[in-house]
Amino acid sequence: MARVLFVAPMDAERREVVTRKASGAFEPVVLDDLPAEKRGDALATADVVVSMGFPREFPLDFREKARKVRMIQSLVAGVDHLPFERF
């Protein structure tokens, strides 16, 4: 089952939708719900990252930490602002 890491802000409505849609399809992980010491592990085990696409959501060492990531989903239109050099 794919592990989907949400680094985008997640309000109650988004969380409810993700919980409903995830059932048996993927394992959702919300970065904001994790203590700081577990966030590196979350990046290391993620298959997919869902973000707003802003550089602050991707650490400078993203490429080294997130070796399993195969897809990055931006929730906003356009991708010019994505920090491609970190991927």
N, C-alpha and C. Protein backbone atom coordinates (compact mmCIF):
# COMPACT_ATOMS: atom_id res chain seq x y z
N MET A 1 0.85 -1.17 0.00
CA MET A 1 0.00 0.00 0.00
C MET A 1 0.89 1.24 0.00
N ALA A 2 0.57 2.19 -0.84
CA ALA A 2 1.36 3.42 -0.95
C ALA A 2 1.22 4.26 0.32
N ARG A 3 2.33 4.83 0.72
CA ARG A 3 2.33 5.74 1.87
C ARG A 3 2.37 7.16 1.32
N VAL A 4 1.32 7.94 1.62
CA VAL A 4 1.17 9.29 1.09
C VAL A 4 1.41 10.29 2.22
N LEU A 5 2.44 11.11 2.04
CA LEU A 5 2.81 12.11 3.04
C LEU A 5 2.25 13.46 2.65
N PHE A 6 1.42 14.02 3.50
CA PHE A 6 0.83 15.33 3.27
C PHE A 6 1.67 16.37 4.00
N VAL A 7 2.40 17.19 3.23
CA VAL A 7 3.19 18.26 3.82
C VAL A 7 2.45 19.59 3.70
N ALA A 8 1.33 19.58 2.99
CA ALA A 8 0.48 20.76 2.85
C ALA A 8 -0.33 20.95 4.13
N PRO A 9 -0.73 22.18 4.43
CA PRO A 9 -1.60 22.40 5.58
C PRO A 9 -2.90 21.61 5.41
N MET A 10 -3.36 20.98 6.49
CA MET A 10 -4.55 20.13 6.43
C MET A 10 -5.58 20.61 7.45
N ASP A 11 -6.63 21.27 6.97
CA ASP A 11 -7.71 21.66 7.87
C ASP A 11 -8.62 20.45 8.11
N ALA A 12 -9.62 20.61 8.96
CA ALA A 12 -10.50 19.51 9.33
C ALA A 12 -11.22 18.91 8.13
N GLU A 13 -11.66 19.75 7.22
CA GLU A 13 -12.37 19.24 6.04
C GLU A 13 -11.46 18.38 5.17
N ARG A 14 -10.25 18.83 4.91
CA ARG A 14 -9.30 18.04 4.12
C ARG A 14 -8.97 16.72 4.80
N ARG A 15 -8.77 16.78 6.11
CA ARG A 15 -8.46 15.55 6.85
C ARG A 15 -9.59 14.54 6.74
N GLU A 16 -10.81 15.01 6.82
CA GLU A 16 -11.97 14.11 6.73
C GLU A 16 -12.03 13.46 5.36
N VAL A 17 -11.81 14.23 4.31
CA VAL A 17 -11.84 13.70 2.95
C VAL A 17 -10.71 12.68 2.76
N VAL A 18 -9.52 13.00 3.21
CA VAL A 18 -8.39 12.08 3.07
C VAL A 18 -8.66 10.78 3.82
N THR A 19 -9.17 10.87 5.03
CA THR A 19 -9.47 9.68 5.81
C THR A 19 -10.49 8.80 5.09
N ARG A 20 -11.51 9.42 4.55
CA ARG A 20 -12.55 8.68 3.83
C ARG A 20 -12.00 8.02 2.58
N LYS A 21 -11.22 8.74 1.80
CA LYS A 21 -10.69 8.23 0.53
C LYS A 21 -9.57 7.22 0.73
N ALA A 22 -8.85 7.32 1.83
CA ALA A 22 -7.68 6.46 2.05
C ALA A 22 -8.04 5.02 2.37
N SER A 23 -9.19 4.79 2.90
CA SER A 23 -9.58 3.48 3.39
C SER A 23 -9.24 2.35 2.42
N GLY A 24 -8.18 1.62 2.75
CA GLY A 24 -7.76 0.48 1.94
C GLY A 24 -7.02 0.84 0.67
N ALA A 25 -6.93 2.13 0.33
CA ALA A 25 -6.29 2.54 -0.92
C ALA A 25 -4.86 3.03 -0.71
N PHE A 26 -4.64 3.75 0.38
CA PHE A 26 -3.31 4.26 0.69
C PHE A 26 -3.23 4.59 2.17
N GLU A 27 -2.01 4.72 2.66
CA GLU A 27 -1.78 5.07 4.06
C GLU A 27 -1.43 6.55 4.15
N PRO A 28 -2.35 7.37 4.69
CA PRO A 28 -2.06 8.80 4.79
C PRO A 28 -1.22 9.12 6.04
N VAL A 29 -0.25 10.03 5.86
CA VAL A 29 0.56 10.52 6.96
C VAL A 29 0.59 12.04 6.84
N VAL A 30 0.22 12.74 7.90
CA VAL A 30 0.21 14.20 7.90
C VAL A 30 1.44 14.67 8.67
N LEU A 31 2.33 15.36 7.97
CA LEU A 31 3.60 15.78 8.57
C LEU A 31 3.39 16.61 9.84
N ASP A 32 2.41 17.51 9.82
CA ASP A 32 2.16 18.36 10.99
C ASP A 32 1.75 17.58 12.23
N ASP A 33 1.28 16.34 12.06
CA ASP A 33 0.86 15.52 13.19
C ASP A 33 2.02 14.81 13.87
N LEU A 34 3.18 14.84 13.24
CA LEU A 34 4.33 14.10 13.75
C LEU A 34 5.27 14.99 14.56
N PRO A 35 5.86 14.42 15.62
CA PRO A 35 6.88 15.19 16.34
C PRO A 35 8.10 15.40 15.44
N ALA A 36 8.85 16.43 15.70
CA ALA A 36 10.00 16.80 14.86
C ALA A 36 10.96 15.63 14.64
N GLU A 37 11.18 14.82 15.66
CA GLU A 37 12.14 13.72 15.53
C GLU A 37 11.66 12.59 14.61
N LYS A 38 10.38 12.57 14.26
CA LYS A 38 9.85 11.52 13.37
C LYS A 38 9.64 12.00 11.93
N ARG A 39 9.85 13.26 11.68
CA ARG A 39 9.58 13.81 10.34
C ARG A 39 10.56 13.30 9.29
N GLY A 40 11.80 13.10 9.66
CA GLY A 40 12.77 12.54 8.72
C GLY A 40 12.39 11.14 8.29
N ASP A 41 11.91 10.33 9.25
CA ASP A 41 11.45 8.98 8.93
C ASP A 41 10.24 9.01 8.00
N ALA A 42 9.37 9.99 8.20
CA ALA A 42 8.18 10.10 7.34
C ALA A 42 8.60 10.38 5.90
N LEU A 43 9.58 11.23 5.70
CA LEU A 43 10.09 11.50 4.35
C LEU A 43 10.75 10.25 3.76
N ALA A 44 11.49 9.53 4.58
CA ALA A 44 12.22 8.36 4.11
C ALA A 44 11.30 7.22 3.69
N THR A 45 10.10 7.16 4.25
CA THR A 45 9.19 6.05 3.95
C THR A 45 8.04 6.43 3.04
N ALA A 46 7.98 7.68 2.60
CA ALA A 46 6.87 8.13 1.74
C ALA A 46 7.07 7.68 0.30
N ASP A 47 5.97 7.28 -0.33
CA ASP A 47 5.95 6.96 -1.76
C ASP A 47 5.49 8.17 -2.57
N VAL A 48 4.60 8.95 -1.96
CA VAL A 48 4.00 10.12 -2.60
C VAL A 48 4.04 11.28 -1.61
N VAL A 49 4.28 12.49 -2.11
CA VAL A 49 4.23 13.69 -1.27
C VAL A 49 3.17 14.62 -1.86
N VAL A 50 2.25 15.08 -1.01
CA VAL A 50 1.22 16.03 -1.41
C VAL A 50 1.56 17.36 -0.75
N SER A 51 1.70 18.40 -1.56
CA SER A 51 2.13 19.70 -1.04
C SER A 51 1.39 20.84 -1.73
N MET A 52 1.62 22.02 -1.22
CA MET A 52 1.16 23.21 -1.92
C MET A 52 2.21 23.59 -2.96
N GLY A 53 3.39 22.99 -2.84
CA GLY A 53 4.45 23.20 -3.82
C GLY A 53 5.44 24.29 -3.46
N PHE A 54 5.35 24.82 -2.25
CA PHE A 54 6.24 25.91 -1.87
C PHE A 54 7.56 25.37 -1.35
N PRO A 55 8.66 26.05 -1.63
CA PRO A 55 9.98 25.57 -1.20
C PRO A 55 10.07 25.25 0.29
N ARG A 56 9.38 25.99 1.13
CA ARG A 56 9.48 25.74 2.58
C ARG A 56 8.98 24.34 2.96
N GLU A 57 8.21 23.70 2.09
CA GLU A 57 7.70 22.35 2.37
C GLU A 57 8.71 21.25 2.04
N PHE A 58 9.79 21.62 1.39
CA PHE A 58 10.79 20.64 0.96
C PHE A 58 12.15 21.03 1.55
N PRO A 59 12.66 20.24 2.50
CA PRO A 59 13.97 20.58 3.08
C PRO A 59 15.07 20.55 2.02
N LEU A 60 16.14 21.24 2.28
CA LEU A 60 17.26 21.30 1.34
C LEU A 60 17.79 19.91 1.00
N ASP A 61 17.70 18.98 1.95
CA ASP A 61 18.19 17.61 1.73
C ASP A 61 17.06 16.65 1.36
N PHE A 62 15.99 17.17 0.78
CA PHE A 62 14.83 16.35 0.40
C PHE A 62 15.25 15.16 -0.46
N ARG A 63 16.09 15.38 -1.44
CA ARG A 63 16.51 14.31 -2.36
C ARG A 63 17.16 13.15 -1.60
N GLU A 64 17.97 13.46 -0.60
CA GLU A 64 18.64 12.42 0.17
C GLU A 64 17.68 11.73 1.14
N LYS A 65 16.78 12.50 1.75
CA LYS A 65 15.86 11.94 2.74
C LYS A 65 14.71 11.16 2.11
N ALA A 66 14.24 11.59 0.96
CA ALA A 66 13.01 11.04 0.38
C ALA A 66 13.29 10.16 -0.84
N ARG A 67 14.17 9.21 -0.69
CA ARG A 67 14.60 8.37 -1.83
C ARG A 67 13.49 7.49 -2.39
N LYS A 68 12.47 7.17 -1.61
CA LYS A 68 11.37 6.31 -2.08
C LYS A 68 10.31 7.08 -2.86
N VAL A 69 10.29 8.39 -2.73
CA VAL A 69 9.22 9.20 -3.35
C VAL A 69 9.26 9.04 -4.86
N ARG A 70 8.08 8.71 -5.42
CA ARG A 70 7.95 8.52 -6.86
C ARG A 70 7.00 9.54 -7.49
N MET A 71 6.29 10.29 -6.65
CA MET A 71 5.37 11.29 -7.17
C MET A 71 5.25 12.44 -6.17
N ILE A 72 5.22 13.65 -6.70
CA ILE A 72 4.97 14.85 -5.90
C ILE A 72 3.76 15.52 -6.49
N GLN A 73 2.72 15.69 -5.67
CA GLN A 73 1.48 16.32 -6.12
C GLN A 73 1.39 17.72 -5.53
N SER A 74 1.22 18.70 -6.39
CA SER A 74 1.02 20.08 -5.94
C SER A 74 -0.48 20.37 -5.98
N LEU A 75 -1.00 20.97 -4.92
CA LEU A 75 -2.42 21.26 -4.84
C LEU A 75 -2.80 22.60 -5.46
N VAL A 76 -1.83 23.33 -5.94
CA VAL A 76 -2.11 24.63 -6.56
C VAL A 76 -1.80 24.56 -8.05
N ALA A 77 -2.39 25.47 -8.79
CA ALA A 77 -2.16 25.52 -10.24
C ALA A 77 -0.75 26.01 -10.53
N GLY A 78 -0.14 25.41 -11.53
CA GLY A 78 1.20 25.81 -11.92
C GLY A 78 2.25 25.17 -11.04
N VAL A 79 3.43 25.00 -11.60
CA VAL A 79 4.52 24.38 -10.84
C VAL A 79 5.82 25.18 -10.93
N ASP A 80 5.75 26.39 -11.44
CA ASP A 80 6.96 27.20 -11.58
C ASP A 80 7.64 27.48 -10.24
N HIS A 81 6.87 27.46 -9.17
CA HIS A 81 7.41 27.78 -7.85
C HIS A 81 8.01 26.56 -7.14
N LEU A 82 7.87 25.37 -7.71
CA LEU A 82 8.43 24.17 -7.08
C LEU A 82 9.96 24.23 -7.08
N PRO A 83 10.59 23.79 -5.99
CA PRO A 83 12.05 23.80 -5.92
C PRO A 83 12.64 22.55 -6.60
N PHE A 84 12.59 22.50 -7.92
CA PHE A 84 13.01 21.32 -8.68
C PHE A 84 14.44 20.88 -8.35
N GLU A 85 15.29 21.81 -7.99
CA GLU A 85 16.68 21.46 -7.69
C GLU A 85 16.79 20.56 -6.46
N ARG A 86 15.74 20.49 -5.66
CA ARG A 86 15.75 19.63 -4.47
C ARG A 86 15.25 18.22 -4.76
N PHE A 87 14.71 18.01 -5.95
CA PHE A 87 14.17 16.70 -6.29
C PHE A 87 15.23 15.90 -7.01
